[in-house]
Amino acid sequence: MSDSEANELYRRNQLLAALPTEEYQRLLPHLEVVCLSHRQILHEINELIEYVYFPTQALVSMVSLMEDGATIEVGIVGKDGMVGLPVCWGGNSATTQAFVQIPGSAIRIAADRFKAEFERHEAFYHLILLYTQALFTQVVQTAACNRRHTIEQRLARWLLSVEDRVDAEQLLLTQEFIAQMLGIRRSGVTVAATALQQAGMIRYSRGKIAIVDRQLLQSTACECYKVVKNEFHRLICLTHDVA
C-alpha cells in the first residue's frame, strides 16, 4: 500500500480525519492498518487492552455479558470512532467485550503509545474527550430506547445506526445476531423485520439486509436515532469542519 493510499484509508475514520494536520502527522508513524475478521474479539472484559482501534470499514459491538450467558449490545463503533477508550481514563480494561460485528479494515495503535499521545497533545486530548461525550450519549440513549420503545422502532434505529458507520450496500446480519444485540427473542426480530420489509423500508434475505427507503425507515425509528446522530455531528463532524 502506497503512502497516499494509506493516508486516504486513515482519513476514512472521522476521529483521525478531525485531527489537525500537525497532530495527525505526529500520530501517523505509530498507526498500522489491520483487517478485522468477523467475530474477532478486540478486548475481553477485565483484561488488559493492548491496542486501540479506529475502524475504517469494520463495525465493532460493545456488549455486556450476563451470568446466564445472555448478551446485549450497549454501543457500536464504526468509522465514527474508536475502540479502547478505557486506556485514556487510566483503567486499561473494560467491563464490556468488544468484538467485530462486520469485518473490514481498521487502524490500530499500541495502547501505551496512544495514551502517551493523548496526555501530551492538547488537540488530541480535546478531540477524544468530545468523542467520549458522544459515545456516552449513544450508550445512555440505547438504555432508554431498550426500555421505552417498540421492537420495530428499535430495529429501525439500529439498522440506520449500523449503516451510518459502515460503507456497504448490504449488511450481513442474521436475525439471531440482531436478537442478541437488541436483547430480545429472535421471533420478535422476525416479526419486526417482516413488517419493515412489507412496508418497503428494507430488503431482507438469507442474512443480508439492505435499506431501500431510508427516509421511511427514519420516520419509523424512535427519536433516539436522531439524538445520537445529531450529537456525533455536533461534537465530531463540526470539529472536523473547523480543523
Protein backbone atom coordinates (compact mmCIF):
# COMPACT_ATOMS: atom_id res chain seq x y z
CA MET A 1 0.00 0.00 0.00
CA SER A 2 1.42 3.39 -1.00
CA ASP A 3 1.67 6.31 1.44
CA SER A 4 -1.16 8.12 -0.35
CA GLU A 5 -3.42 5.05 -0.23
CA ALA A 6 -2.67 4.56 3.46
CA ASN A 7 -3.34 8.22 4.19
CA GLU A 8 -6.68 8.05 2.37
CA LEU A 9 -7.63 4.94 4.35
CA TYR A 10 -6.66 6.56 7.67
CA ARG A 11 -8.78 9.59 6.93
CA ARG A 12 -11.89 7.45 6.45
CA ASN A 13 -12.08 7.32 10.21
CA GLN A 14 -13.82 10.50 11.36
CA LEU A 15 -11.74 10.89 14.52
CA LEU A 16 -8.44 10.67 12.66
CA ALA A 17 -9.83 12.95 9.96
CA ALA A 18 -10.80 15.53 12.61
CA LEU A 19 -7.25 15.85 13.91
CA PRO A 20 -5.30 18.99 12.97
CA THR A 21 -2.61 18.19 10.38
CA GLU A 22 0.27 18.63 12.83
CA GLU A 23 -1.29 16.26 15.37
CA TYR A 24 -2.17 13.75 12.65
CA GLN A 25 1.36 13.73 11.24
CA ARG A 26 2.78 13.14 14.72
CA LEU A 27 0.48 10.16 15.21
CA LEU A 28 1.00 8.71 11.72
CA PRO A 29 4.22 6.70 12.32
CA HIS A 30 2.52 4.77 15.10
CA LEU A 31 -0.57 3.74 13.10
CA GLU A 32 -0.98 0.32 11.49
CA VAL A 33 -3.59 -0.92 9.02
CA VAL A 34 -5.22 -4.21 10.05
CA CYS A 35 -8.04 -6.34 8.68
CA LEU A 36 -10.57 -7.34 11.31
CA SER A 37 -12.40 -10.64 10.86
CA HIS A 38 -15.99 -11.48 11.75
CA ARG A 39 -16.47 -12.14 15.49
CA GLN A 40 -12.86 -11.22 16.26
CA ILE A 41 -12.57 -10.09 19.87
CA LEU A 42 -10.65 -6.82 20.25
CA HIS A 43 -10.73 -6.82 24.03
CA GLU A 44 -12.27 -9.02 26.68
CA ILE A 45 -13.96 -7.98 29.91
CA ASN A 46 -11.48 -7.00 32.66
CA GLU A 47 -8.46 -7.88 30.52
CA LEU A 48 -5.65 -5.51 29.62
CA ILE A 49 -6.34 -3.52 26.45
CA GLU A 50 -3.27 -3.83 24.24
CA TYR A 51 -4.41 -1.87 21.19
CA VAL A 52 -6.74 0.99 20.37
CA TYR A 53 -8.64 0.61 17.10
CA PHE A 54 -10.03 3.21 14.69
CA PRO A 55 -12.38 1.33 12.31
CA THR A 56 -12.49 2.47 8.70
CA GLN A 57 -14.71 -0.26 7.23
CA ALA A 58 -15.33 -2.66 10.11
CA LEU A 59 -18.09 -2.31 12.70
CA VAL A 60 -17.48 -3.21 16.34
CA SER A 61 -20.06 -4.03 19.00
CA MET A 62 -19.54 -3.36 22.67
CA VAL A 63 -21.59 -5.89 24.59
CA SER A 64 -22.42 -6.62 28.20
CA LEU A 65 -22.35 -10.31 29.18
CA MET A 66 -24.75 -11.63 31.79
CA GLU A 67 -24.08 -14.51 34.19
CA ASP A 68 -26.58 -16.70 32.32
CA GLY A 69 -24.66 -16.20 29.07
CA ALA A 70 -27.03 -13.64 27.58
CA THR A 71 -25.53 -10.68 25.73
CA ILE A 72 -26.84 -7.22 24.94
CA GLU A 73 -25.23 -4.50 22.91
CA VAL A 74 -24.56 -1.23 24.72
CA GLY A 75 -22.76 0.59 21.91
CA ILE A 76 -21.43 0.32 18.37
CA VAL A 77 -18.30 1.80 16.83
CA GLY A 78 -17.55 2.20 13.15
CA LYS A 79 -15.81 4.84 11.10
CA ASP A 80 -17.23 7.42 13.53
CA GLY A 81 -14.98 6.49 16.44
CA MET A 82 -12.54 4.27 18.28
CA VAL A 83 -12.40 1.14 20.43
CA GLY A 84 -10.35 1.24 23.63
CA LEU A 85 -11.43 4.40 25.46
CA PRO A 86 -10.61 3.00 28.94
CA VAL A 87 -6.95 3.44 28.02
CA CYS A 88 -7.49 7.20 28.18
CA TRP A 89 -9.09 7.02 31.59
CA GLY A 90 -6.27 5.06 33.19
CA GLY A 91 -8.27 1.90 33.85
CA ASN A 92 -6.71 -0.04 30.95
CA SER A 93 -9.58 -2.56 30.91
CA ALA A 94 -13.33 -2.51 30.32
CA THR A 95 -16.48 -4.10 31.74
CA THR A 96 -17.69 -4.76 28.19
CA GLN A 97 -16.45 -7.07 25.46
CA ALA A 98 -15.61 -5.55 22.08
CA PHE A 99 -15.97 -7.80 19.05
CA VAL A 100 -16.19 -7.33 15.30
CA GLN A 101 -19.77 -7.35 14.03
CA ILE A 102 -18.97 -6.55 10.38
CA PRO A 103 -15.46 -7.40 9.12
CA GLY A 104 -13.23 -4.90 7.37
CA SER A 105 -10.25 -2.63 7.76
CA ALA A 106 -9.24 -0.62 10.81
CA ILE A 107 -6.29 1.39 12.04
CA ARG A 108 -4.68 0.36 15.28
CA ILE A 109 -2.13 1.84 17.64
CA ALA A 110 -0.47 0.34 20.71
CA ALA A 111 -2.35 1.32 23.85
CA ASP A 112 0.69 2.75 25.65
CA ARG A 113 1.59 4.92 22.65
CA PHE A 114 -2.00 6.11 22.32
CA LYS A 115 -2.13 7.10 25.98
CA ALA A 116 1.16 8.98 25.69
CA GLU A 117 -0.12 10.98 22.70
CA PHE A 118 -3.45 11.58 24.46
CA GLU A 119 -1.73 13.04 27.53
CA ARG A 120 0.86 15.02 25.61
CA HIS A 121 -1.10 16.89 22.93
CA GLU A 122 -3.97 19.25 23.66
CA ALA A 123 -5.84 18.94 20.36
CA PHE A 124 -5.83 15.14 20.52
CA TYR A 125 -6.86 15.25 24.19
CA HIS A 126 -9.76 17.60 23.44
CA LEU A 127 -11.00 15.53 20.48
CA ILE A 128 -11.05 12.28 22.45
CA LEU A 129 -12.96 13.97 25.28
CA LEU A 130 -15.57 15.13 22.76
CA TYR A 131 -15.82 11.60 21.40
CA THR A 132 -16.24 10.26 24.93
CA GLN A 133 -19.22 12.57 25.37
CA ALA A 134 -20.72 11.47 22.04
CA LEU A 135 -20.29 7.78 22.85
CA PHE A 136 -21.75 8.30 26.33
CA THR A 137 -24.81 9.81 24.66
CA GLN A 138 -25.14 6.69 22.49
CA VAL A 139 -24.90 4.34 25.49
CA VAL A 140 -27.38 6.33 27.59
CA GLN A 141 -29.85 6.68 24.73
CA THR A 142 -29.60 2.95 23.97
CA ALA A 143 -30.51 2.14 27.56
CA ALA A 144 -33.55 4.44 27.40
CA CYS A 145 -34.53 3.08 23.98
CA ASN A 146 -34.43 -0.54 25.16
CA ARG A 147 -36.82 0.33 27.97
CA ARG A 148 -39.31 2.61 26.22
CA HIS A 149 -39.64 1.82 22.52
CA THR A 150 -41.17 -0.95 20.43
CA ILE A 151 -39.08 -3.66 18.78
CA GLU A 152 -39.92 -2.25 15.36
CA GLN A 153 -38.73 1.23 16.36
CA ARG A 154 -35.58 -0.16 17.93
CA LEU A 155 -34.77 -2.32 14.89
CA ALA A 156 -35.22 0.65 12.55
CA ARG A 157 -32.97 2.79 14.76
CA TRP A 158 -30.33 0.07 14.98
CA LEU A 159 -30.21 -0.61 11.23
CA LEU A 160 -29.84 3.10 10.47
CA SER A 161 -27.08 3.41 13.06
CA VAL A 162 -25.20 0.44 11.62
CA GLU A 163 -25.43 1.72 8.04
CA ASP A 164 -24.16 5.15 9.14
CA ARG A 165 -20.97 3.57 10.41
CA VAL A 166 -20.00 1.30 7.50
CA ASP A 167 -19.63 1.73 3.76
CA ALA A 168 -21.73 -1.16 2.48
CA GLU A 169 -24.83 -1.50 0.33
CA GLN A 170 -25.82 -4.67 2.18
CA LEU A 171 -25.45 -5.53 5.84
CA LEU A 172 -24.53 -9.15 6.59
CA LEU A 173 -26.63 -9.67 9.70
CA THR A 174 -28.68 -12.68 10.78
CA GLN A 175 -31.89 -12.35 12.75
CA GLU A 176 -30.36 -14.41 15.54
CA PHE A 177 -27.45 -11.99 15.82
CA ILE A 178 -29.71 -8.93 15.79
CA ALA A 179 -31.82 -10.51 18.53
CA GLN A 180 -28.71 -10.98 20.67
CA MET A 181 -27.63 -7.39 20.16
CA LEU A 182 -31.05 -5.95 20.96
CA GLY A 183 -31.59 -8.30 23.88
CA ILE A 184 -34.86 -9.73 22.53
CA ARG A 185 -36.19 -13.01 21.16
CA ARG A 186 -35.47 -13.96 17.57
CA SER A 187 -39.21 -14.23 16.91
CA GLY A 188 -39.54 -10.54 17.81
CA VAL A 189 -36.90 -9.62 15.23
CA THR A 190 -38.64 -11.78 12.63
CA VAL A 191 -41.97 -10.01 13.14
CA ALA A 192 -40.38 -6.54 13.10
CA ALA A 193 -38.16 -7.23 10.07
CA THR A 194 -41.11 -8.65 8.16
CA ALA A 195 -43.15 -5.53 8.89
CA LEU A 196 -40.33 -3.24 7.73
CA GLN A 197 -39.85 -5.29 4.57
CA GLN A 198 -43.56 -5.37 3.72
CA ALA A 199 -43.64 -1.58 4.14
CA GLY A 200 -40.83 -1.26 1.59
CA MET A 201 -38.22 0.06 4.02
CA ILE A 202 -35.74 -2.81 3.88
CA ARG A 203 -34.96 -5.89 1.80
CA TYR A 204 -34.03 -8.97 3.80
CA SER A 205 -32.89 -12.35 2.52
CA ARG A 206 -30.60 -15.07 3.89
CA GLY A 207 -28.76 -12.93 6.40
CA LYS A 208 -28.42 -9.92 4.09
CA ILE A 209 -30.23 -6.67 4.83
CA ALA A 210 -30.41 -3.64 2.55
CA ILE A 211 -32.10 -0.36 3.39
CA VAL A 212 -34.20 0.57 0.35
CA ASP A 213 -36.17 3.56 1.71
CA ARG A 214 -34.04 5.39 4.25
CA GLN A 215 -36.43 8.29 4.72
CA LEU A 216 -39.33 5.99 5.55
CA LEU A 217 -37.15 3.93 7.87
CA GLN A 218 -36.11 7.12 9.68
CA SER A 219 -39.76 8.04 10.17
CA THR A 220 -40.32 4.63 11.77
CA ALA A 221 -37.27 4.76 14.04
CA CYS A 222 -37.65 6.29 17.51
CA GLU A 223 -36.21 9.71 18.36
CA CYS A 224 -33.12 8.03 19.82
CA TYR A 225 -31.59 7.73 16.35
CA LYS A 226 -31.64 11.48 15.73
CA VAL A 227 -30.49 12.33 19.26
CA VAL A 228 -27.33 10.25 18.89
CA LYS A 229 -26.67 11.21 15.26
CA ASN A 230 -27.05 14.94 16.00
CA GLU A 231 -24.72 14.73 18.99
CA PHE A 232 -22.00 12.98 16.99
CA HIS A 233 -22.36 15.61 14.28
CA ARG A 234 -22.22 18.47 16.77
CA LEU A 235 -19.18 17.16 18.62
CA ILE A 236 -17.12 15.37 15.97
CA CYS A 237 -18.16 16.41 12.46
CA LEU A 238 -18.21 20.12 13.28
CA THR A 239 -14.77 19.74 14.84
CA HIS A 240 -13.63 18.18 11.57
CA ASP A 241 -15.08 21.09 9.59
CA VAL A 242 -13.22 23.60 11.78
CA ALA A 243 -9.98 21.63 11.59
